[in-house]
C-alpha atoms as a PDB file:
ATOM      1  CA  MET A   1     -35.315  35.568 -48.667  1.00  0.00           C
ATOM      2  CA  THR A   2     -36.780  38.843 -47.288  1.00  0.00           C
ATOM      3  CA  ASP A   3     -35.339  39.861 -43.949  1.00  0.00           C
ATOM      4  CA  THR A   4     -37.720  39.931 -41.038  1.00  0.00           C
ATOM      5  CA  PRO A   5     -37.257  42.841 -38.587  1.00  0.00           C
ATOM      6  CA  MET A   6     -35.430  40.462 -36.211  1.00  0.00           C
ATOM      7  CA  ARG A   7     -33.018  39.258 -38.908  1.00  0.00           C
ATOM      8  CA  THR A   8     -32.412  42.892 -39.947  1.00  0.00           C
ATOM      9  CA  LEU A   9     -31.481  43.834 -36.340  1.00  0.00           C
ATOM     10  CA  LEU A  10     -29.108  40.890 -36.002  1.00  0.00           C
ATOM     11  CA  ARG A  11     -27.482  41.768 -39.344  1.00  0.00           C
ATOM     12  CA  LEU A  12     -27.087  45.421 -38.381  1.00  0.00           C
ATOM     13  CA  MET A  13     -25.442  44.502 -35.090  1.00  0.00           C
ATOM     14  CA  GLU A  14     -23.049  42.202 -36.908  1.00  0.00           C
ATOM     15  CA  GLN A  15     -22.110  45.000 -39.250  1.00  0.00           C
ATOM     16  CA  LEU A  16     -21.690  47.527 -36.396  1.00  0.00           C
ATOM     17  CA  ARG A  17     -19.343  45.129 -34.673  1.00  0.00           C
ATOM     18  CA  ASP A  18     -17.277  44.498 -37.802  1.00  0.00           C
ATOM     19  CA  PRO A  19     -13.629  45.428 -36.844  1.00  0.00           C
ATOM     20  CA  ARG A  20     -12.827  46.890 -40.287  1.00  0.00           C
ATOM     21  CA  ARG A  21     -16.054  48.539 -41.479  1.00  0.00           C
ATOM     22  CA  GLY A  22     -18.174  48.856 -38.325  1.00  0.00           C
ATOM     23  CA  CYS A  23     -18.586  51.560 -35.705  1.00  0.00           C
ATOM     24  CA  ALA A  24     -15.475  52.129 -33.624  1.00  0.00           C
ATOM     25  CA  TRP A  25     -17.499  52.705 -30.416  1.00  0.00           C
ATOM     26  CA  ASP A  26     -19.582  49.533 -30.876  1.00  0.00           C
ATOM     27  CA  VAL A  27     -16.501  47.463 -31.635  1.00  0.00           C
ATOM     28  CA  ALA A  28     -14.727  48.752 -28.484  1.00  0.00           C
ATOM     29  CA  GLN A  29     -17.592  47.669 -26.165  1.00  0.00           C
ATOM     30  CA  THR A  30     -17.448  44.657 -23.795  1.00  0.00           C
ATOM     31  CA  PHE A  31     -20.026  42.979 -21.576  1.00  0.00           C
ATOM     32  CA  ALA A  32     -18.812  45.056 -18.662  1.00  0.00           C
ATOM     33  CA  SER A  33     -18.994  48.339 -20.497  1.00  0.00           C
ATOM     34  CA  ILE A  34     -22.473  47.631 -21.932  1.00  0.00           C
ATOM     35  CA  GLY A  35     -23.905  46.311 -18.616  1.00  0.00           C
ATOM     36  CA  PRO A  36     -24.736  49.755 -17.146  1.00  0.00           C
ATOM     37  CA  TYR A  37     -26.615  50.707 -20.311  1.00  0.00           C
ATOM     38  CA  THR A  38     -28.636  47.458 -20.022  1.00  0.00           C
ATOM     39  CA  LEU A  39     -29.770  48.445 -16.538  1.00  0.00           C
ATOM     40  CA  GLU A  40     -30.521  51.975 -17.638  1.00  0.00           C
ATOM     41  CA  GLU A  41     -32.669  50.799 -20.493  1.00  0.00           C
ATOM     42  CA  ALA A  42     -34.594  48.433 -18.203  1.00  0.00           C
ATOM     43  CA  TYR A  43     -35.336  51.359 -15.872  1.00  0.00           C
ATOM     44  CA  GLU A  44     -36.466  53.537 -18.857  1.00  0.00           C
ATOM     45  CA  VAL A  45     -38.932  50.762 -19.774  1.00  0.00           C
ATOM     46  CA  ALA A  46     -40.265  50.780 -16.221  1.00  0.00           C
ATOM     47  CA  ASP A  47     -40.535  54.561 -16.372  1.00  0.00           C
ATOM     48  CA  ALA A  48     -42.552  54.463 -19.616  1.00  0.00           C
ATOM     49  CA  ILE A  49     -44.913  51.935 -17.980  1.00  0.00           C
ATOM     50  CA  ALA A  50     -45.286  54.116 -14.946  1.00  0.00           C
ATOM     51  CA  ARG A  51     -46.166  57.115 -17.158  1.00  0.00           C
ATOM     52  CA  ASP A  52     -48.603  54.905 -19.161  1.00  0.00           C
ATOM     53  CA  ASP A  53     -46.877  56.218 -22.312  1.00  0.00           C
ATOM     54  CA  LEU A  54     -47.293  53.402 -24.804  1.00  0.00           C
ATOM     55  CA  ASP A  55     -45.508  55.222 -27.654  1.00  0.00           C
ATOM     56  CA  ASP A  56     -42.456  55.702 -25.400  1.00  0.00           C
ATOM     57  CA  LEU A  57     -42.758  52.132 -24.183  1.00  0.00           C
ATOM     58  CA  ARG A  58     -42.445  50.880 -27.747  1.00  0.00           C
ATOM     59  CA  ASP A  59     -39.274  52.883 -28.196  1.00  0.00           C
ATOM     60  CA  GLU A  60     -37.782  51.866 -24.822  1.00  0.00           C
ATOM     61  CA  LEU A  61     -38.539  48.192 -25.480  1.00  0.00           C
ATOM     62  CA  GLY A  62     -36.559  48.565 -28.705  1.00  0.00           C
ATOM     63  CA  ASP A  63     -33.650  50.025 -26.774  1.00  0.00           C
ATOM     64  CA  LEU A  64     -33.765  47.180 -24.296  1.00  0.00           C
ATOM     65  CA  LEU A  65     -33.920  44.659 -27.145  1.00  0.00           C
ATOM     66  CA  LEU A  66     -30.836  46.299 -28.580  1.00  0.00           C
ATOM     67  CA  GLN A  67     -29.051  45.439 -25.365  1.00  0.00           C
ATOM     68  CA  VAL A  68     -29.981  41.765 -25.658  1.00  0.00           C
ATOM     69  CA  ILE A  69     -28.816  41.685 -29.312  1.00  0.00           C
ATOM     70  CA  PHE A  70     -25.537  43.479 -28.381  1.00  0.00           C
ATOM     71  CA  HIS A  71     -24.679  41.022 -25.617  1.00  0.00           C
ATOM     72  CA  ALA A  72     -25.638  38.059 -27.756  1.00  0.00           C
ATOM     73  CA  ARG A  73     -23.444  39.297 -30.626  1.00  0.00           C
ATOM     74  CA  MET A  74     -20.403  39.715 -28.329  1.00  0.00           C
ATOM     75  CA  ALA A  75     -20.996  36.207 -26.929  1.00  0.00           C
ATOM     76  CA  GLU A  76     -21.181  34.764 -30.412  1.00  0.00           C
ATOM     77  CA  GLU A  77     -17.900  36.488 -31.354  1.00  0.00           C
ATOM     78  CA  ALA A  78     -16.403  34.814 -28.294  1.00  0.00           C
ATOM     79  CA  GLY A  79     -17.704  31.444 -29.414  1.00  0.00           C
ATOM     80  CA  ALA A  80     -19.987  31.069 -26.396  1.00  0.00           C
ATOM     81  CA  PHE A  81     -23.544  31.403 -27.765  1.00  0.00           C
ATOM     82  CA  GLY A  82     -25.633  33.452 -30.112  1.00  0.00           C
ATOM     83  CA  PHE A  83     -29.014  35.111 -30.219  1.00  0.00           C
ATOM     84  CA  GLU A  84     -30.696  31.925 -31.476  1.00  0.00           C
ATOM     85  CA  ASP A  85     -29.308  30.086 -28.421  1.00  0.00           C
ATOM     86  CA  VAL A  86     -30.776  32.788 -26.165  1.00  0.00           C
ATOM     87  CA  ALA A  87     -34.192  32.524 -27.802  1.00  0.00           C
ATOM     88  CA  ARG A  88     -34.069  28.732 -27.782  1.00  0.00           C
ATOM     89  CA  GLY A  89     -33.165  28.622 -24.107  1.00  0.00           C
ATOM     90  CA  LEU A  90     -35.918  31.092 -23.226  1.00  0.00           C
ATOM     91  CA  ALA A  91     -38.521  29.007 -25.058  1.00  0.00           C
ATOM     92  CA  ALA A  92     -37.425  25.871 -23.222  1.00  0.00           C
ATOM     93  CA  LYS A  93     -37.524  27.743 -19.894  1.00  0.00           C
ATOM     94  CA  LEU A  94     -41.076  29.031 -20.577  1.00  0.00           C
ATOM     95  CA  ILE A  95     -42.291  25.495 -21.265  1.00  0.00           C
ATOM     96  CA  ARG A  96     -40.417  24.083 -18.253  1.00  0.00           C
ATOM     97  CA  ARG A  97     -41.796  26.722 -15.889  1.00  0.00           C
ATOM     98  CA  HIS A  98     -45.346  26.321 -17.062  1.00  0.00           C
ATOM     99  CA  PRO A  99     -46.052  22.549 -16.620  1.00  0.00           C
ATOM    100  CA  HIS A 100     -49.666  23.552 -15.901  1.00  0.00           C
ATOM    101  CA  VAL A 101     -49.954  25.013 -19.459  1.00  0.00           C
ATOM    102  CA  PHE A 102     -47.698  22.947 -21.690  1.00  0.00           C
ATOM    103  CA  ASP A 103     -46.631  19.341 -21.868  1.00  0.00           C
ATOM    104  CA  ALA A 104     -42.918  18.452 -22.050  1.00  0.00           C
ATOM    105  CA  ASP A 105     -42.941  18.982 -25.825  1.00  0.00           C
ATOM    106  CA  GLY A 106     -44.438  22.479 -25.609  1.00  0.00           C
ATOM    107  CA  ASN A 107     -47.956  21.480 -26.679  1.00  0.00           C
ATOM    108  CA  LEU A 108     -50.835  23.218 -24.929  1.00  0.00           C
ATOM    109  CA  LEU A 109     -52.603  21.093 -22.331  1.00  0.00           C
ATOM    110  CA  PRO A 110     -56.383  20.696 -22.610  1.00  0.00           C
ATOM    111  CA  ALA A 111     -58.370  23.820 -21.710  1.00  0.00           C
ATOM    112  CA  ASP A 112     -59.516  22.456 -18.421  1.00  0.00           C
ATOM    113  CA  ALA A 113     -56.033  21.505 -17.316  1.00  0.00           C
ATOM    114  CA  PRO A 114     -54.260  24.818 -16.489  1.00  0.00           C
ATOM    115  CA  ILE A 115     -54.278  25.956 -12.858  1.00  0.00           C
ATOM    116  CA  ARG A 116     -56.401  29.063 -12.588  1.00  0.00           C
ATOM    117  CA  ASP A 117     -55.442  30.201  -9.077  1.00  0.00           C
ATOM    118  CA  PRO A 118     -52.638  32.790  -9.420  1.00  0.00           C
ATOM    119  CA  GLU A 119     -51.199  31.941  -5.975  1.00  0.00           C
ATOM    120  CA  ALA A 120     -50.984  28.240  -6.854  1.00  0.00           C
ATOM    121  CA  VAL A 121     -49.276  29.117 -10.144  1.00  0.00           C
ATOM    122  CA  LYS A 122     -46.794  31.284  -8.238  1.00  0.00           C
ATOM    123  CA  ALA A 123     -46.005  28.453  -5.807  1.00  0.00           C
ATOM    124  CA  LEU A 124     -45.491  26.059  -8.719  1.00  0.00           C
ATOM    125  CA  TRP A 125     -43.227  28.599 -10.417  1.00  0.00           C
ATOM    126  CA  GLU A 126     -41.018  28.875  -7.329  1.00  0.00           C
ATOM    127  CA  THR A 127     -40.821  25.122  -7.046  1.00  0.00           C
ATOM    128  CA  VAL A 128     -39.635  24.760 -10.637  1.00  0.00           C
ATOM    129  CA  LYS A 129     -37.101  27.611 -10.231  1.00  0.00           C
ATOM    130  CA  ALA A 130     -35.733  25.947  -7.052  1.00  0.00           C
ATOM    131  CA  GLU A 131     -35.265  22.712  -8.957  1.00  0.00           C
ATOM    132  CA  GLU A 132     -33.464  24.597 -11.761  1.00  0.00           C
ATOM    133  CA  ARG A 133     -31.060  26.087  -9.236  1.00  0.00           C
ATOM    134  CA  ARG A 134     -30.401  22.662  -7.715  1.00  0.00           C
ATOM    135  CA  VAL A 135     -29.691  21.133 -11.145  1.00  0.00           C
ATOM    136  CA  LYS A 136     -27.326  24.024 -12.110  1.00  0.00           C
ATOM    137  CA  ALA A 137     -25.392  23.627  -8.866  1.00  0.00           C
ATOM    138  CA  ALA A 138     -25.203  19.844  -9.235  1.00  0.00           C
ATOM    139  CA  SER A 139     -24.032  20.070 -12.870  1.00  0.00           C
ATOM    140  CA  GLY A 140     -21.202  22.458 -12.012  1.00  0.00           C
ATOM    141  CA  ARG A 141     -22.605  25.188 -14.312  1.00  0.00           C
ATOM    142  CA  GLN A 142     -22.562  27.504 -11.323  1.00  0.00           C
ATOM    143  CA  ALA A 143     -21.037  27.426  -7.924  1.00  0.00           C
ATOM    144  CA  ALA A 144     -23.219  26.184  -5.093  1.00  0.00           C
ATOM    145  CA  GLU A 145     -25.251  29.017  -3.555  1.00  0.00           C
ATOM    146  CA  PRO A 146     -23.460  30.665  -0.616  1.00  0.00           C
ATOM    147  CA  GLY A 147     -26.639  30.233   1.346  1.00  0.00           C
ATOM    148  CA  PRO A 148     -30.394  29.757   1.139  1.00  0.00           C
ATOM    149  CA  LEU A 149     -30.808  33.336  -0.154  1.00  0.00           C
ATOM    150  CA  GLY A 150     -27.742  33.379  -2.352  1.00  0.00           C
ATOM    151  CA  SER A 151     -29.509  33.209  -5.696  1.00  0.00           C
ATOM    152  CA  VAL A 152     -31.148  36.642  -5.406  1.00  0.00           C
ATOM    153  CA  ALA A 153     -29.149  38.765  -7.889  1.00  0.00           C
ATOM    154  CA  GLN A 154     -26.666  41.145  -6.280  1.00  0.00           C
ATOM    155  CA  ALA A 155     -27.066  43.705  -9.039  1.00  0.00           C
ATOM    156  CA  LEU A 156     -30.714  44.462  -8.204  1.00  0.00           C
ATOM    157  CA  PRO A 157     -31.564  47.801  -6.683  1.00  0.00           C
ATOM    158  CA  ALA A 158     -31.139  47.502  -2.929  1.00  0.00           C
ATOM    159  CA  LEU A 159     -34.874  48.109  -2.205  1.00  0.00           C
ATOM    160  CA  THR A 160     -35.990  45.478  -4.716  1.00  0.00           C
ATOM    161  CA  ARG A 161     -33.405  43.043  -3.464  1.00  0.00           C
ATOM    162  CA  ALA A 162     -34.574  43.550   0.132  1.00  0.00           C
ATOM    163  CA  GLU A 163     -38.148  42.640  -0.881  1.00  0.00           C
ATOM    164  CA  LYS A 164     -36.928  39.551  -2.796  1.00  0.00           C
ATOM    165  CA  ILE A 165     -34.635  38.176  -0.095  1.00  0.00           C
ATOM    166  CA  SER A 166     -37.301  38.761   2.553  1.00  0.00           C
ATOM    167  CA  ARG A 167     -39.789  36.928   0.296  1.00  0.00           C
ATOM    168  CA  ARG A 168     -37.311  34.033  -0.100  1.00  0.00           C
ATOM    169  CA  ALA A 169     -36.848  33.857   3.663  1.00  0.00           C
ATOM    170  CA  ALA A 170     -40.627  33.868   4.124  1.00  0.00           C
ATOM    171  CA  GLY A 171     -40.756  30.821   1.865  1.00  0.00           C
ATOM    172  CA  TYR A 172     -38.851  28.996   4.589  1.00  0.00           C
ATOM    173  CA  GLY A 173     -41.413  30.146   7.153  1.00  0.00           C
ATOM    174  CA  PHE A 174     -39.205  32.949   8.614  1.00  0.00           C
ATOM    175  CA  ASP A 175     -41.663  35.856   8.510  1.00  0.00           C
ATOM    176  CA  TRP A 176     -44.086  37.996  10.438  1.00  0.00           C
ATOM    177  CA  ALA A 177     -47.649  36.798  10.681  1.00  0.00           C
ATOM    178  CA  ASP A 178     -49.131  39.964   9.199  1.00  0.00           C
ATOM    179  CA  ALA A 179     -48.513  43.600   8.214  1.00  0.00           C
ATOM    180  CA  VAL A 180     -49.486  44.902  11.686  1.00  0.00           C
ATOM    181  CA  GLN A 181     -46.474  43.048  13.151  1.00  0.00           C
ATOM    182  CA  VAL A 182     -44.222  44.503  10.495  1.00  0.00           C
ATOM    183  CA  VAL A 183     -45.455  48.028  11.312  1.00  0.00           C
ATOM    184  CA  ALA A 184     -44.429  47.379  14.920  1.00  0.00           C
ATOM    185  CA  LYS A 185     -41.003  46.317  13.658  1.00  0.00           C
ATOM    186  CA  VAL A 186     -40.727  49.586  11.643  1.00  0.00           C
ATOM    187  CA  ARG A 187     -41.511  51.523  14.802  1.00  0.00           C
ATOM    188  CA  GLU A 188     -38.818  49.539  16.683  1.00  0.00           C
ATOM    189  CA  GLU A 189     -36.265  50.292  13.983  1.00  0.00           C
ATOM    190  CA  THR A 190     -37.196  53.926  13.995  1.00  0.00           C
ATOM    191  CA  GLU A 191     -36.550  54.131  17.694  1.00  0.00           C
ATOM    192  CA  GLU A 192     -33.116  52.497  17.192  1.00  0.00           C
ATOM    193  CA  VAL A 193     -32.346  55.135  14.526  1.00  0.00           C
ATOM    194  CA  GLU A 194     -33.213  57.874  17.020  1.00  0.00           C
ATOM    195  CA  GLN A 195     -30.890  56.243  19.621  1.00  0.00           C
ATOM    196  CA  ALA A 196     -28.076  56.095  17.028  1.00  0.00           C
ATOM    197  CA  LEU A 197     -28.646  59.711  16.198  1.00  0.00           C
ATOM    198  CA  ALA A 198     -28.351  60.628  19.873  1.00  0.00           C
ATOM    199  CA  SER A 199     -25.142  58.552  20.247  1.00  0.00           C
ATOM    200  CA  GLY A 200     -23.422  60.358  17.355  1.00  0.00           C
ATOM    201  CA  ASP A 201     -22.001  57.072  16.066  1.00  0.00           C
ATOM    202  CA  ARG A 202     -22.144  57.356  12.259  1.00  0.00           C
ATOM    203  CA  THR A 203     -21.432  53.709  11.659  1.00  0.00           C
ATOM    204  CA  GLU A 204     -24.199  52.598  13.980  1.00  0.00           C
ATOM    205  CA  LEU A 205     -26.531  55.162  12.429  1.00  0.00           C
ATOM    206  CA  ALA A 206     -25.949  53.851   8.941  1.00  0.00           C
ATOM    207  CA  GLU A 207     -26.547  50.301  10.135  1.00  0.00           C
ATOM    208  CA  GLU A 208     -29.816  51.240  11.868  1.00  0.00           C
ATOM    209  CA  ILE A 209     -31.100  53.199   8.883  1.00  0.00           C
ATOM    210  CA  GLY A 210     -30.391  50.095   6.734  1.00  0.00           C
ATOM    211  CA  ASP A 211     -32.418  47.984   9.128  1.00  0.00           C
ATOM    212  CA  LEU A 212     -35.244  50.505   8.962  1.00  0.00           C
ATOM    213  CA  LEU A 213     -35.247  50.457   5.169  1.00  0.00           C
ATOM    214  CA  PHE A 214     -35.252  46.676   5.135  1.00  0.00           C
ATOM    215  CA  SER A 215     -38.240  46.600   7.508  1.00  0.00           C
ATOM    216  CA  VAL A 216     -40.069  49.065   5.243  1.00  0.00           C
ATOM    217  CA  ALA A 217     -39.444  46.731   2.242  1.00  0.00           C
ATOM    218  CA  ASN A 218     -40.911  43.908   4.285  1.00  0.00           C
ATOM    219  CA  LEU A 219     -43.914  46.055   5.120  1.00  0.00           C
ATOM    220  CA  ALA A 220     -44.426  46.778   1.400  1.00  0.00           C
ATOM    221  CA  ARG A 221     -44.287  43.020   0.667  1.00  0.00           C
ATOM    222  CA  HIS A 222     -46.871  42.234   3.335  1.00  0.00           C
ATOM    223  CA  ALA A 223     -49.090  45.004   1.989  1.00  0.00           C
ATOM    224  CA  GLY A 224     -48.815  43.686  -1.543  1.00  0.00           C
ATOM    225  CA  VAL A 225     -47.001  46.840  -2.697  1.00  0.00           C
ATOM    226  CA  ASP A 226     -43.923  46.912  -4.952  1.00  0.00           C
ATOM    227  CA  PRO A 227     -41.496  48.951  -2.786  1.00  0.00           C
ATOM    228  CA  GLU A 228     -39.437  50.155  -5.804  1.00  0.00           C
ATOM    229  CA  ALA A 229     -42.575  51.384  -7.666  1.00  0.00           C
ATOM    230  CA  ALA A 230     -43.842  52.965  -4.464  1.00  0.00           C
ATOM    231  CA  LEU A 231     -40.655  54.869  -3.938  1.00  0.00           C
ATOM    232  CA  ARG A 232     -40.599  55.974  -7.626  1.00  0.00           C
ATOM    233  CA  ALA A 233     -44.127  57.215  -7.148  1.00  0.00           C
ATOM    234  CA  GLY A 234     -43.067  59.043  -3.946  1.00  0.00           C
ATOM    235  CA  ASN A 235     -40.132  60.666  -5.774  1.00  0.00           C
ATOM    236  CA  ALA A 236     -42.435  61.832  -8.541  1.00  0.00           C
ATOM    237  CA  LYS A 237     -44.891  63.287  -6.030  1.00  0.00           C
ATOM    238  CA  PHE A 238     -42.132  65.193  -4.259  1.00  0.00           C
ATOM    239  CA  GLU A 239     -40.774  66.574  -7.537  1.00  0.00           C
ATOM    240  CA  ARG A 240     -44.276  67.601  -8.611  1.00  0.00           C
ATOM    241  CA  ARG A 241     -45.083  69.365  -5.322  1.00  0.00           C
ATOM    242  CA  PHE A 242     -41.644  71.017  -5.178  1.00  0.00           C
ATOM    243  CA  ALA A 243     -42.157  72.460  -8.659  1.00  0.00           C
ATOM    244  CA  ALA A 244     -45.630  73.708  -7.609  1.00  0.00           C
ATOM    245  CA  MET A 245     -44.149  75.238  -4.484  1.00  0.00           C
ATOM    246  CA  ALA A 246     -41.525  77.030  -6.552  1.00  0.00           C
ATOM    247  CA  SER A 247     -44.238  78.304  -8.906  1.00  0.00           C
ATOM    248  CA  ARG A 248     -46.250  79.686  -5.984  1.00  0.00           C
ATOM    249  CA  LEU A 249     -43.183  81.481  -4.604  1.00  0.00           C
ATOM    250  CA  GLU A 250     -42.537  83.020  -7.992  1.00  0.00           C
ATOM    251  CA  ALA A 251     -46.122  84.097  -8.331  1.00  0.00           C
ATOM    252  CA  ALA A 252     -45.698  85.897  -4.977  1.00  0.00           C
ATOM    253  CA  GLY A 253     -42.650  87.720  -6.326  1.00  0.00           C
ATOM    254  CA  SER A 254     -39.995  85.494  -4.669  1.00  0.00           C
ATOM    255  CA  THR A 255     -37.709  82.634  -5.658  1.00  0.00           C
ATOM    256  CA  LEU A 256     -36.430  79.447  -3.966  1.00  0.00           C
ATOM    257  CA  ALA A 257     -33.083  81.153  -3.392  1.00  0.00           C
ATOM    258  CA  ASP A 258     -34.698  84.165  -1.683  1.00  0.00           C
ATOM    259  CA  SER A 259     -37.249  82.302   0.409  1.00  0.00           C
ATOM    260  CA  ASP A 260     -36.726  81.141   3.975  1.00  0.00           C
ATOM    261  CA  LEU A 261     -37.927  77.776   5.225  1.00  0.00           C
ATOM    262  CA  ALA A 262     -41.205  79.185   6.680  1.00  0.00           C
ATOM    263  CA  ALA A 263     -42.128  80.644   3.303  1.00  0.00           C
ATOM    264  CA  MET A 264     -41.269  77.504   1.465  1.00  0.00           C
ATOM    265  CA  GLU A 265     -43.219  75.373   3.972  1.00  0.00           C
ATOM    266  CA  ALA A 266     -46.314  77.647   3.525  1.00  0.00           C
ATOM    267  CA  ALA A 267     -46.076  77.392  -0.283  1.00  0.00           C
ATOM    268  CA  TRP A 268     -45.521  73.630   0.000  1.00  0.00           C
ATOM    269  CA  LEU A 269     -48.665  73.101   2.125  1.00  0.00           C
ATOM    270  CA  ALA A 270     -50.670  75.261  -0.266  1.00  0.00           C
ATOM    271  CA  ALA A 271     -49.433  73.214  -3.233  1.00  0.00           C
ATOM    272  CA  LYS A 272     -50.257  70.028  -1.359  1.00  0.00           C
ATOM    273  CA  ARG A 273     -53.807  71.203  -0.535  1.00  0.00           C
ATOM    274  CA  ALA A 274     -54.318  72.279  -4.144  1.00  0.00           C
ATOM    275  CA  GLU A 275     -53.204  68.919  -5.454  1.00  0.00           C
ATOM    276  CA  ARG A 276     -55.420  66.979  -3.068  1.00  0.00           C
ATOM    277  CA  GLY A 277     -58.365  69.249  -3.931  1.00  0.00           C
ATOM    278  CA  ALA A 278     -57.811  68.711  -7.608  1.00  0.00           C
END
């Protein structure tokens, strides 16, 4: 039987992990050692999407798929599960989490049955996920959650996790009424940062800056903005304008190392005006 691309990938990973004939580096890896690469590949997928580079996205999705195959192979060697179990579990989850699209056997419901309101679908999704968490805890497959927000993954980037745990809290009704109130909270936290700066207490200052960042994540959520994506865009803007500033200084016969703050500020503002004009 001719191998499909998926079968080929699974076979190649099995061969790479062969203790006698495989790759020494691949054989030496563990879940813990591969974990950071998995996160890195996920970020590179997000980066390709942000750049709207579909060729690169294809490549990065392949790299991310490699991580899934790698983990599944190590789990199979440990006698825990294999790739087929991962795929089977995912298919079951998709059916379970879309009761407005599929019946219990995975058959499509009639065309007029699915819910068309995205917000209603989102609410249904959260209800199903909450029931899954309850069943897991009751079955002993995982420890009971340490609290009502305990299921939000600890490994998420801090800004993303702030948005998610604030969203979870909002689901219980603990939230501001609108974005205007969150802006007021951001101002309040900014004032507390200023007070901590004046006090010279570094511990207090770190705590207040954390509160400020958490409030900003809440503001992004209320505004319908992904805070992680917004910060990535802000980083990219700063890098772009900084490079333009350096180019302007060089055109004037100077360098970053030779320029004082006033010269850099003038070149920065010129680069900013040029970008906005373009």
